[in-house]
């Protein structure tokens, strides 16, 4: 069966299951086999990360500096096949990962899972670094180059070309969920967070009864304001203008946006930590103690210590995966475009992604929320620590925004505006990069003619995200993210022997003498 027919069948099955069983079936990927057991998704991600780390001999430690050297451009060769140099390939991947997950995702993890969730994000990042090395190396190894000189790579090509055509069904499954995930994880969630943040700014000035900010009920459980509609239209317009240009324009745009937005955000967070350095030790204590021993029951809130710890772990792993995409396979699509003859070389570059994204930026967000006391405004704190807390509950980017406003109040009173700017830059950059991922998955399944229709549907989802509600958008994104991860992890395990041989042969050469 050819890819097009297989793709149509795959989408038909996905839609039928959604119609018959609802979104709860897909959400089950994060709770299966039960709410009281370690989710299969968590075991698969962490287990595969540990397995590949041990098999490859801790590449995230041994080859990290080589990745830095390659990214600096000292091994670049413009004559090599590929679309982007190493730095721009990393920038494109980072632009998809350094985004809303670093601002809203970390805050959501703390909101539901407490401070201990940050520890599990670190665990996900450490072992996820090896997964990123593995999936990116294999994606470049099994990529194809068409007659126009453009590359086609990613886990779908790794599965089909690395494991053989008998595994095409698994490659098709990955590509189908990658397209769905591009509409939610890399798109609607970004647009929603921007719209929600900007709407919050407008209500501070105009109130909630102004004709722009007044929410009108469309149907039960769904209300929207004119201002949110405007947000959605503007976001959709900006994304549409950029993604028509293709990967080379995306590389140029993200090559500028990613470093600028990261520097602004990191510098501001560091100012908060320095000014609250006396609370830093206590914050780390909270992270480690509540990762393994969170408050189990308080004021009628049920759940034993183990169950609460599992909840904390789940939120940490989910948001860790969402943030750095390690094991998911999406960033491997960007890394497969790198100009190089050596697949392992780009794999070493890819390892920098989880370090920058989760170990550095997510940690700064989480610590800013903790040292300022903003985490008291979470469901976890009220349910598990102090049920008498009278402050407003804040979730997503609004919690991070509150932390920055509090943390920078000694300098000026507009720290929350930094979050608004960062959310805007992060979201646009992520949406642009994720359009490429969905573009490549669409091309794999349905060919080049399907790319333009895909892009218009993608732009439509940008608008939908701008007017949607928080819970459905995140639930849909988490479900698609989980289901596209399994095919990628299976291929990494089955091709781990090939990967080990490639790595050994590449590092048998002393690249320091080149």
Protein backbone atom coordinates (compact mmCIF):
# COMPACT_ATOMS: atom_id res chain seq x y z
CA UNK A 1 0.00 0.00 0.00
CA UNK A 2 1.35 3.43 -0.91
CA UNK A 3 1.79 6.22 1.63
CA UNK A 4 -1.20 8.29 0.45
CA UNK A 5 -3.70 5.47 0.91
CA UNK A 6 -2.10 4.48 4.21
CA UNK A 7 -2.27 8.10 5.39
CA UNK A 8 -5.96 8.42 4.51
CA UNK A 9 -6.71 5.16 6.34
CA UNK A 10 -4.71 6.36 9.36
CA UNK A 11 -6.63 9.64 9.58
CA UNK A 12 -9.89 7.77 9.09
CA UNK A 13 -9.10 5.51 12.05
CA UNK A 14 -8.05 8.48 14.20
CA UNK A 15 -11.26 10.39 13.42
CA UNK A 16 -13.45 7.30 13.99
CA UNK A 17 -11.88 6.67 17.42
CA UNK A 18 -12.30 10.35 18.29
CA UNK A 19 -15.98 10.20 17.26
CA UNK A 20 -16.68 6.89 19.01
CA UNK A 21 -14.73 7.34 22.24
CA UNK A 22 -13.94 11.06 22.46
CA UNK A 23 -10.73 12.81 23.45
CA UNK A 24 -10.57 10.75 26.67
CA UNK A 25 -9.31 7.78 24.66
CA UNK A 26 -6.32 9.79 23.47
CA UNK A 27 -5.75 11.38 26.86
CA UNK A 28 -5.40 7.85 28.19
CA UNK A 29 -1.88 7.70 26.78
CA UNK A 30 -0.82 9.73 29.84
CA UNK A 31 -2.74 7.62 32.40
CA UNK A 32 -2.69 4.06 31.01
CA UNK A 33 -2.93 1.50 32.58
CA UNK A 34 -4.62 3.40 35.43
CA UNK A 35 -4.53 6.60 37.44
CA UNK A 36 -2.78 4.72 40.26
CA UNK A 37 0.07 3.22 38.22
CA UNK A 38 3.12 4.64 36.50
CA UNK A 39 1.80 5.71 33.07
CA UNK A 40 3.10 3.67 30.15
CA UNK A 41 4.11 6.92 28.44
CA UNK A 42 6.37 7.87 31.35
CA UNK A 43 7.93 4.41 31.47
CA UNK A 44 8.47 4.41 27.70
CA UNK A 45 10.16 7.83 27.63
CA UNK A 46 12.34 7.50 30.71
CA UNK A 47 13.02 3.81 30.06
CA UNK A 48 14.13 4.38 26.46
CA UNK A 49 16.23 7.33 27.59
CA UNK A 50 17.99 5.22 30.21
CA UNK A 51 18.46 2.32 27.77
CA UNK A 52 20.03 4.45 25.03
CA UNK A 53 22.12 6.38 27.56
CA UNK A 54 23.65 3.18 28.90
CA UNK A 55 24.07 1.59 25.47
CA UNK A 56 25.85 4.63 24.04
CA UNK A 57 27.91 5.27 27.17
CA UNK A 58 26.43 8.58 28.37
CA UNK A 59 26.86 10.61 25.16
CA UNK A 60 25.21 13.65 26.80
CA UNK A 61 28.33 13.94 28.96
CA UNK A 62 31.08 12.56 26.72
CA UNK A 63 30.15 14.38 23.48
CA UNK A 64 28.50 17.55 24.77
CA UNK A 65 31.54 19.76 24.15
CA UNK A 66 31.94 18.39 20.63
CA UNK A 67 28.38 19.53 19.96
CA UNK A 68 29.33 23.02 21.12
CA UNK A 69 32.34 23.04 18.80
CA UNK A 70 30.27 21.90 15.81
CA UNK A 71 27.61 24.54 16.50
CA UNK A 72 30.31 27.22 16.48
CA UNK A 73 30.81 26.41 12.80
CA UNK A 74 34.41 25.18 12.83
CA UNK A 75 33.40 22.03 10.90
CA UNK A 76 30.95 23.72 8.49
CA UNK A 77 31.35 22.93 4.80
CA UNK A 78 29.03 24.87 2.45
CA UNK A 79 29.53 22.17 -0.19
CA UNK A 80 27.92 19.46 1.95
CA UNK A 81 24.37 18.39 1.10
CA UNK A 82 21.61 19.93 3.20
CA UNK A 83 19.54 23.08 3.64
CA UNK A 84 20.89 24.76 6.81
CA UNK A 85 24.23 24.99 8.57
CA UNK A 86 24.56 23.45 12.04
CA UNK A 87 23.75 26.67 13.91
CA UNK A 88 20.60 27.39 11.91
CA UNK A 89 19.41 23.80 12.16
CA UNK A 90 19.77 24.07 15.94
CA UNK A 91 18.09 27.49 15.93
CA UNK A 92 15.13 26.13 13.99
CA UNK A 93 14.77 23.21 16.40
CA UNK A 94 15.17 25.50 19.42
CA UNK A 95 12.62 27.93 18.03
CA UNK A 96 10.08 25.11 18.13
CA UNK A 97 11.09 23.96 21.62
CA UNK A 98 12.04 27.23 23.36
CA UNK A 99 8.54 28.60 23.49
CA UNK A 100 5.32 28.47 25.43
CA UNK A 101 6.47 25.31 27.23
CA UNK A 102 9.18 27.37 28.94
CA UNK A 103 6.71 29.98 30.16
CA UNK A 104 3.24 28.47 30.36
CA UNK A 105 4.24 24.79 30.44
CA UNK A 106 6.49 25.09 33.50
CA UNK A 107 3.86 27.17 35.28
CA UNK A 108 1.19 24.58 34.53
CA UNK A 109 3.45 21.79 35.85
CA UNK A 110 3.91 23.71 39.11
CA UNK A 111 0.21 24.60 39.26
CA UNK A 112 -0.90 20.95 39.25
CA UNK A 113 2.22 19.06 40.34
CA UNK A 114 3.95 21.43 42.75
CA UNK A 115 7.67 22.31 43.00
CA UNK A 116 8.73 18.66 42.65
CA UNK A 117 7.55 18.65 39.03
CA UNK A 118 10.63 20.70 38.15
CA UNK A 119 12.88 17.86 39.31
CA UNK A 120 11.14 15.42 36.96
CA UNK A 121 11.55 17.91 34.14
CA UNK A 122 15.30 17.77 34.79
CA UNK A 123 15.26 13.97 34.74
CA UNK A 124 13.36 14.04 31.45
CA UNK A 125 15.91 16.48 30.03
CA UNK A 126 18.97 14.50 31.14
CA UNK A 127 17.90 11.24 29.54
CA UNK A 128 16.06 13.13 26.83
CA UNK A 129 19.39 14.56 25.70
CA UNK A 130 20.44 11.07 24.62
CA UNK A 131 17.10 10.58 22.87
CA UNK A 132 17.63 13.84 20.98
CA UNK A 133 21.11 12.69 19.96
CA UNK A 134 19.77 9.33 18.80
CA UNK A 135 16.72 10.52 16.86
CA UNK A 136 18.59 13.38 15.15
CA UNK A 137 21.54 11.20 14.17
CA UNK A 138 19.27 8.55 12.68
CA UNK A 139 17.08 11.11 10.91
CA UNK A 140 20.08 12.57 9.13
CA UNK A 141 21.45 9.09 8.38
CA UNK A 142 18.25 8.00 6.64
CA UNK A 143 17.20 11.30 5.05
CA UNK A 144 16.76 11.67 1.29
CA UNK A 145 17.72 14.57 -0.99
CA UNK A 146 15.42 15.34 -3.93
CA UNK A 147 16.35 16.53 -7.42
CA UNK A 148 16.03 20.17 -6.29
CA UNK A 149 18.57 19.64 -3.52
CA UNK A 150 16.05 19.78 -0.66
CA UNK A 151 16.32 17.29 2.19
CA UNK A 152 13.53 15.04 3.45
CA UNK A 153 14.12 13.54 6.85
CA UNK A 154 12.64 12.71 10.21
CA UNK A 155 11.49 9.63 12.12
CA UNK A 156 9.07 8.61 9.34
CA UNK A 157 12.04 8.20 6.98
CA UNK A 158 14.13 6.61 9.74
CA UNK A 159 11.44 3.99 10.32
CA UNK A 160 10.74 3.20 6.67
CA UNK A 161 14.33 3.27 5.38
CA UNK A 162 16.04 2.03 8.54
CA UNK A 163 13.65 -0.74 9.52
CA UNK A 164 12.34 -1.55 6.05
CA UNK A 165 9.08 -1.11 4.15
CA UNK A 166 7.32 -3.70 6.31
CA UNK A 167 7.42 -1.04 9.02
CA UNK A 168 5.80 1.63 6.84
CA UNK A 169 2.61 1.43 8.90
CA UNK A 170 4.58 2.70 11.91
CA UNK A 171 6.09 5.53 9.85
CA UNK A 172 2.61 6.48 8.62
CA UNK A 173 1.31 6.50 12.20
CA UNK A 174 4.12 8.83 13.25
CA UNK A 175 3.50 11.20 10.32
CA UNK A 176 -0.27 11.28 10.92
CA UNK A 177 0.10 12.19 14.58
CA UNK A 178 2.89 14.65 13.74
CA UNK A 179 0.43 16.56 11.53
CA UNK A 180 -2.21 16.54 14.27
CA UNK A 181 0.39 17.56 16.84
CA UNK A 182 1.50 20.45 14.63
CA UNK A 183 -2.04 21.82 14.75
CA UNK A 184 -2.18 21.63 18.56
CA UNK A 185 1.20 21.50 20.29
CA UNK A 186 3.08 23.74 17.90
CA UNK A 187 0.19 25.92 16.89
CA UNK A 188 -3.09 26.29 18.80
CA UNK A 189 -1.36 26.19 22.21
CA UNK A 190 1.01 28.95 21.10
CA UNK A 191 -1.81 31.08 19.75
CA UNK A 192 -3.99 30.48 22.80
CA UNK A 193 -1.25 31.57 25.21
CA UNK A 194 -0.54 34.77 23.26
CA UNK A 195 -4.23 35.61 23.06
CA UNK A 196 -4.78 34.84 26.76
CA UNK A 197 -1.81 36.99 27.80
CA UNK A 198 -2.78 39.94 25.60
CA UNK A 199 -6.42 39.67 26.71
CA UNK A 200 -5.22 39.85 30.33
CA UNK A 201 -3.26 43.03 29.50
CA UNK A 202 -6.33 44.63 27.91
CA UNK A 203 -8.59 43.80 30.85
CA UNK A 204 -6.14 45.50 33.22
CA UNK A 205 -6.70 48.73 31.30
CA UNK A 206 -10.27 48.43 29.99
CA UNK A 207 -11.86 46.04 32.48
CA UNK A 208 -13.98 43.05 31.47
CA UNK A 209 -17.12 44.96 30.44
CA UNK A 210 -15.64 47.00 27.59
CA UNK A 211 -17.02 46.12 24.15
CA UNK A 212 -13.59 44.75 23.19
CA UNK A 213 -13.07 42.57 26.26
CA UNK A 214 -16.66 41.55 27.08
CA UNK A 215 -17.01 37.81 26.47
CA UNK A 216 -20.03 36.63 24.51
CA UNK A 217 -21.29 33.08 25.05
CA UNK A 218 -21.31 31.22 21.74
CA UNK A 219 -22.49 27.93 23.23
CA UNK A 220 -22.49 26.30 26.65
CA UNK A 221 -19.00 26.38 28.12
CA UNK A 222 -17.51 28.55 25.37
CA UNK A 223 -17.32 32.35 25.41
CA UNK A 224 -15.14 34.70 23.40
CA UNK A 225 -14.47 38.44 23.17
CA UNK A 226 -13.89 40.67 20.15
CA UNK A 227 -10.36 41.30 21.41
CA UNK A 228 -9.57 37.57 21.36
CA UNK A 229 -10.90 37.28 17.82
CA UNK A 230 -8.60 40.13 16.79
CA UNK A 231 -5.68 38.37 18.50
CA UNK A 232 -6.39 35.18 16.59
CA UNK A 233 -6.63 36.98 13.25
CA UNK A 234 -3.38 38.89 13.78
CA UNK A 235 -1.48 35.76 14.85
CA UNK A 236 -2.83 33.82 11.88
CA UNK A 237 -1.82 36.65 9.53
CA UNK A 238 1.75 36.84 10.82
CA UNK A 239 2.27 33.08 10.63
CA UNK A 240 0.74 32.91 7.14
CA UNK A 241 3.12 35.58 5.84
CA UNK A 242 6.18 33.64 6.99
CA UNK A 243 5.45 29.96 6.40
CA UNK A 244 4.77 30.39 2.69
CA UNK A 245 8.50 31.07 2.29
CA UNK A 246 9.58 27.54 3.22
CA UNK A 247 12.43 26.19 5.33
CA UNK A 248 15.16 28.57 4.15
CA UNK A 249 13.13 31.62 5.14
CA UNK A 250 12.13 29.90 8.37
CA UNK A 251 15.83 29.32 9.08
CA UNK A 252 16.61 33.01 8.53
CA UNK A 253 13.72 34.26 10.68
CA UNK A 254 14.27 31.86 13.57
CA UNK A 255 18.04 32.39 13.40
CA UNK A 256 17.39 35.95 14.57
CA UNK A 257 14.35 35.47 16.80
CA UNK A 258 15.58 32.53 18.89
CA UNK A 259 18.75 34.14 20.33
CA UNK A 260 17.10 37.54 20.90
CA UNK A 261 14.07 36.22 22.75
CA UNK A 262 16.17 33.81 24.81
CA UNK A 263 18.61 36.53 25.94
CA UNK A 264 15.81 38.90 27.03
CA UNK A 265 14.02 36.20 28.99
CA UNK A 266 17.10 34.66 30.59
CA UNK A 267 18.52 38.04 31.66
CA UNK A 268 15.24 39.04 33.30
CA UNK A 269 14.92 35.72 35.14
CA UNK A 270 18.51 35.97 36.38
CA UNK A 271 17.76 39.42 37.80
CA UNK A 272 14.86 37.91 39.74
CA UNK A 273 17.01 35.10 41.15
CA UNK A 274 19.85 37.42 42.12
CA UNK A 275 17.48 39.81 43.90
CA UNK A 276 15.87 36.87 45.73
CA UNK A 277 19.03 34.86 46.31
CA UNK A 278 18.19 34.39 50.01
CA UNK A 279 15.19 32.26 48.96
CA UNK A 280 17.09 30.19 46.40
CA UNK A 281 18.25 27.49 48.82
CA UNK A 282 14.75 26.98 50.18
CA UNK A 283 13.41 26.71 46.63
CA UNK A 284 15.82 23.90 45.77
CA UNK A 285 14.87 22.16 49.00
CA UNK A 286 11.21 22.33 47.98
CA UNK A 287 11.98 20.91 44.55
CA UNK A 288 13.85 17.85 45.83
CA UNK A 289 11.67 17.14 48.86
CA UNK A 290 8.37 17.41 46.99
CA UNK A 291 9.64 15.34 44.06
CA UNK A 292 9.59 12.25 46.29
CA UNK A 293 7.60 13.23 49.37
CA UNK A 294 4.85 15.71 48.46
CA UNK A 295 2.07 16.47 51.00
CA UNK A 296 -0.36 13.57 50.59
CA UNK A 297 -3.61 14.72 52.18
CA UNK A 298 -4.90 17.95 53.63
CA UNK A 299 -8.33 19.27 54.47
CA UNK A 300 -10.22 16.49 52.75
CA UNK A 301 -8.07 16.37 49.64
CA UNK A 302 -7.54 12.64 49.09
CA UNK A 303 -4.64 10.70 47.70
CA UNK A 304 -1.75 8.85 49.30
CA UNK A 305 1.84 10.00 49.07
CA UNK A 306 2.61 7.60 46.23
CA UNK A 307 -0.37 8.75 44.18
CA UNK A 308 0.48 12.42 44.69
CA UNK A 309 4.13 11.73 43.81
CA UNK A 310 2.96 10.01 40.62
CA UNK A 311 0.92 13.09 39.77
CA UNK A 312 3.96 15.30 40.33
CA UNK A 313 6.12 13.01 38.20
CA UNK A 314 3.51 12.91 35.45
CA UNK A 315 3.26 16.69 35.20
CA UNK A 316 7.03 17.05 35.23
CA UNK A 317 7.54 14.48 32.48
CA UNK A 318 4.63 15.78 30.37
CA UNK A 319 5.79 19.37 30.49
CA UNK A 320 9.44 18.32 30.16
CA UNK A 321 8.59 16.46 26.97
CA UNK A 322 6.42 19.29 25.71
CA UNK A 323 9.20 21.76 26.39
CA UNK A 324 12.23 20.01 24.88
CA UNK A 325 10.46 17.47 22.61
CA UNK A 326 13.11 14.85 23.40
CA UNK A 327 11.93 11.45 22.23
CA UNK A 328 9.04 12.96 20.35
CA UNK A 329 10.95 13.04 17.06
CA UNK A 330 9.84 16.46 15.88
CA UNK A 331 13.15 18.29 16.33
CA UNK A 332 14.87 15.50 14.40
CA UNK A 333 13.06 16.76 11.32
CA UNK A 334 14.82 20.12 11.64
CA UNK A 335 18.20 18.56 12.42
CA UNK A 336 17.92 16.31 9.36
CA UNK A 337 18.27 19.44 7.17
CA UNK A 338 21.82 20.18 8.38
CA UNK A 339 24.65 20.56 5.87
CA UNK A 340 26.98 17.70 6.80
CA UNK A 341 28.24 14.33 5.67
CA UNK A 342 28.30 12.99 9.22
CA UNK A 343 25.00 12.14 10.89
CA UNK A 344 26.60 11.77 14.33
CA UNK A 345 27.96 15.31 14.07
CA UNK A 346 24.48 16.78 13.89
CA UNK A 347 23.34 14.44 16.65
CA UNK A 348 25.95 16.04 18.90
CA UNK A 349 24.55 19.48 18.03
CA UNK A 350 21.01 18.30 18.82
CA UNK A 351 22.08 17.44 22.38
CA UNK A 352 22.41 21.14 23.14
CA UNK A 353 18.66 21.57 22.70
CA UNK A 354 17.36 19.95 25.93
CA UNK A 355 20.19 21.56 27.92
CA UNK A 356 19.35 25.08 26.73
CA UNK A 357 15.62 24.55 26.77
CA UNK A 358 14.95 22.64 29.99
CA UNK A 359 18.05 22.68 32.18
CA UNK A 360 18.57 26.42 31.65
CA UNK A 361 15.40 28.22 30.57
CA UNK A 362 12.72 26.03 32.21
CA UNK A 363 14.73 26.03 35.44
CA UNK A 364 14.89 29.83 35.42
CA UNK A 365 11.11 30.01 34.98
CA UNK A 366 10.40 27.50 37.73
CA UNK A 367 12.84 29.06 40.18
CA UNK A 368 11.44 32.54 39.48
CA UNK A 369 7.98 31.28 40.37
CA UNK A 370 9.29 29.66 43.57
CA UNK A 371 11.60 32.38 44.94
CA UNK A 372 8.95 35.09 44.51
CA UNK A 373 6.29 33.02 46.28
CA UNK A 374 4.11 33.11 43.17
CA UNK A 375 3.65 29.33 43.45
CA UNK A 376 1.30 29.96 46.38
CA UNK A 377 -1.27 30.95 43.74
CA UNK A 378 -1.50 27.36 42.48
CA UNK A 379 -4.02 24.58 42.92
CA UNK A 380 -1.27 22.38 44.37
CA UNK A 381 -0.45 24.89 47.13
CA UNK A 382 -4.08 25.46 48.10
CA UNK A 383 -5.03 21.78 48.03
CA UNK A 384 -1.87 20.40 49.63
CA UNK A 385 -0.29 23.16 51.73
CA UNK A 386 -2.68 25.92 52.78
CA UNK A 387 -6.42 25.56 52.06
CA UNK A 388 -7.01 28.95 53.66
CA UNK A 389 -4.90 30.83 51.11
CA UNK A 390 -7.13 33.65 49.84
CA UNK A 391 -5.13 34.76 46.81
CA UNK A 392 -6.24 34.34 43.22
CA UNK A 393 -5.31 31.07 41.52
CA UNK A 394 -3.09 31.68 38.48
CA UNK A 395 -2.21 29.14 35.81
CA UNK A 396 -0.23 29.06 32.57
CA UNK A 397 1.58 32.23 31.47
CA UNK A 398 -0.41 34.35 33.94
CA UNK A 399 1.41 32.66 36.84
CA UNK A 400 4.82 33.34 35.28
CA UNK A 401 3.72 36.88 34.50
CA UNK A 402 2.79 37.43 38.15
CA UNK A 403 6.17 36.04 39.27
CA UNK A 404 8.08 38.39 36.96
CA UNK A 405 6.03 41.39 38.08
CA UNK A 406 6.74 40.55 41.73
CA UNK A 407 10.37 39.62 41.15
CA UNK A 408 11.27 42.76 39.22
CA UNK A 409 9.20 45.20 41.29
CA UNK A 410 12.40 46.50 42.89
CA UNK A 411 13.56 47.64 39.45
CA UNK A 412 10.33 48.73 37.76
CA UNK A 413 6.64 47.87 37.93
CA UNK A 414 6.25 46.28 34.53
CA UNK A 415 7.97 42.91 34.83
CA UNK A 416 4.82 41.20 33.58
CA UNK A 417 5.21 43.03 30.25
CA UNK A 418 8.44 41.08 29.66
CA UNK A 419 6.35 37.91 29.75
CA UNK A 420 3.87 39.39 27.30
CA UNK A 421 6.73 40.21 24.90
CA UNK A 422 8.39 36.83 25.44
CA UNK A 423 5.12 34.96 24.93
CA UNK A 424 4.58 36.80 21.66
CA UNK A 425 8.09 36.16 20.32
CA UNK A 426 8.26 32.58 21.60
CA UNK A 427 4.85 31.66 20.24
CA UNK A 428 5.35 33.13 16.77
CA UNK A 429 8.77 31.52 16.46
CA UNK A 430 7.45 28.13 17.64
CA UNK A 431 4.43 28.24 15.33
CA UNK A 432 6.68 29.06 12.37
CA UNK A 433 9.04 26.17 13.10
CA UNK A 434 6.27 23.67 13.81
CA UNK A 435 4.65 24.46 10.47
CA UNK A 436 7.77 22.98 8.88
CA UNK A 437 7.41 19.77 10.89
CA UNK A 438 3.82 19.31 9.78
CA UNK A 439 4.83 20.33 6.25
CA UNK A 440 7.40 17.50 6.10
CA UNK A 441 4.96 14.94 7.51
CA UNK A 442 2.34 16.04 4.97
CA UNK A 443 4.85 15.76 2.14
CA UNK A 444 5.80 12.26 3.29
CA UNK A 445 2.19 11.05 3.30
CA UNK A 446 0.49 12.94 0.49
CA UNK A 447 3.21 14.54 -1.63
CA UNK A 448 4.20 18.10 -2.44
CA UNK A 449 0.76 19.11 -3.79
CA UNK A 450 -0.78 18.66 -0.34
CA UNK A 451 1.60 21.11 1.37
CA UNK A 452 -0.25 24.32 0.45
CA UNK A 453 -3.66 23.02 1.66
CA UNK A 454 -1.94 21.85 4.85
CA UNK A 455 -0.54 25.33 5.42
CA UNK A 456 -3.97 26.93 5.09
CA UNK A 457 -5.43 24.47 7.60
CA UNK A 458 -2.46 25.22 9.84
CA UNK A 459 -3.14 28.95 9.67
CA UNK A 460 -6.80 28.26 10.48
CA UNK A 461 -5.75 26.45 13.66
CA UNK A 462 -3.67 29.47 14.66
CA UNK A 463 -6.91 31.45 14.65
CA UNK A 464 -8.84 28.70 16.47
CA UNK A 465 -6.21 28.62 19.21
CA UNK A 466 -6.57 32.37 19.68
CA UNK A 467 -10.21 32.03 20.70
CA UNK A 468 -10.15 28.59 22.38
CA UNK A 469 -10.18 27.57 26.05
CA UNK A 470 -7.18 26.36 28.06
CA UNK A 471 -8.06 22.77 29.01
CA UNK A 472 -9.23 21.42 25.61
CA UNK A 473 -6.23 22.90 23.78
CA UNK A 474 -3.65 21.44 26.17
CA UNK A 475 -5.47 18.08 26.36
CA UNK A 476 -5.57 17.75 22.57
CA UNK A 477 -1.90 18.71 22.29
CA UNK A 478 -0.78 16.31 25.03
CA UNK A 479 -2.66 13.42 23.44
CA UNK A 480 -1.19 13.92 19.95
CA UNK A 481 2.26 14.46 21.43
CA UNK A 482 2.08 11.17 23.30
CA UNK A 483 0.89 9.11 20.35
CA UNK A 484 3.55 10.43 17.95
CA UNK A 485 6.24 9.61 20.52
CA UNK A 486 5.69 5.83 20.60
CA UNK A 487 6.65 5.10 16.96
CA UNK A 488 9.80 7.19 17.37
CA UNK A 489 10.85 5.40 20.57
CA UNK A 490 10.30 1.99 18.96
CA UNK A 491 12.58 2.92 16.07
CA UNK A 492 15.29 4.19 18.46
CA UNK A 493 15.32 0.89 20.34
CA UNK A 494 15.34 -1.27 17.20
CA UNK A 495 18.08 0.80 15.54
CA UNK A 496 20.19 1.31 18.67
CA UNK A 497 22.78 -1.18 17.40
CA UNK A 498 23.21 0.78 14.15
CA UNK A 499 23.43 3.99 16.15
CA UNK A 500 26.09 2.59 18.48
CA UNK A 501 28.22 1.48 15.53
CA UNK A 502 27.91 4.89 13.83
CA UNK A 503 28.85 6.70 17.03
CA UNK A 504 31.87 4.48 17.68
CA UNK A 505 33.17 4.90 14.12
CA UNK A 506 32.71 8.68 14.12
CA UNK A 507 34.48 9.29 17.43
CA UNK A 508 37.28 6.90 16.55
CA UNK A 509 38.56 9.90 14.60
CA UNK A 510 40.26 12.62 16.65
CA UNK A 511 38.26 15.65 15.52
CA UNK A 512 40.23 17.95 17.80
CA UNK A 513 43.12 17.71 15.35
CA UNK A 514 41.04 18.84 12.36
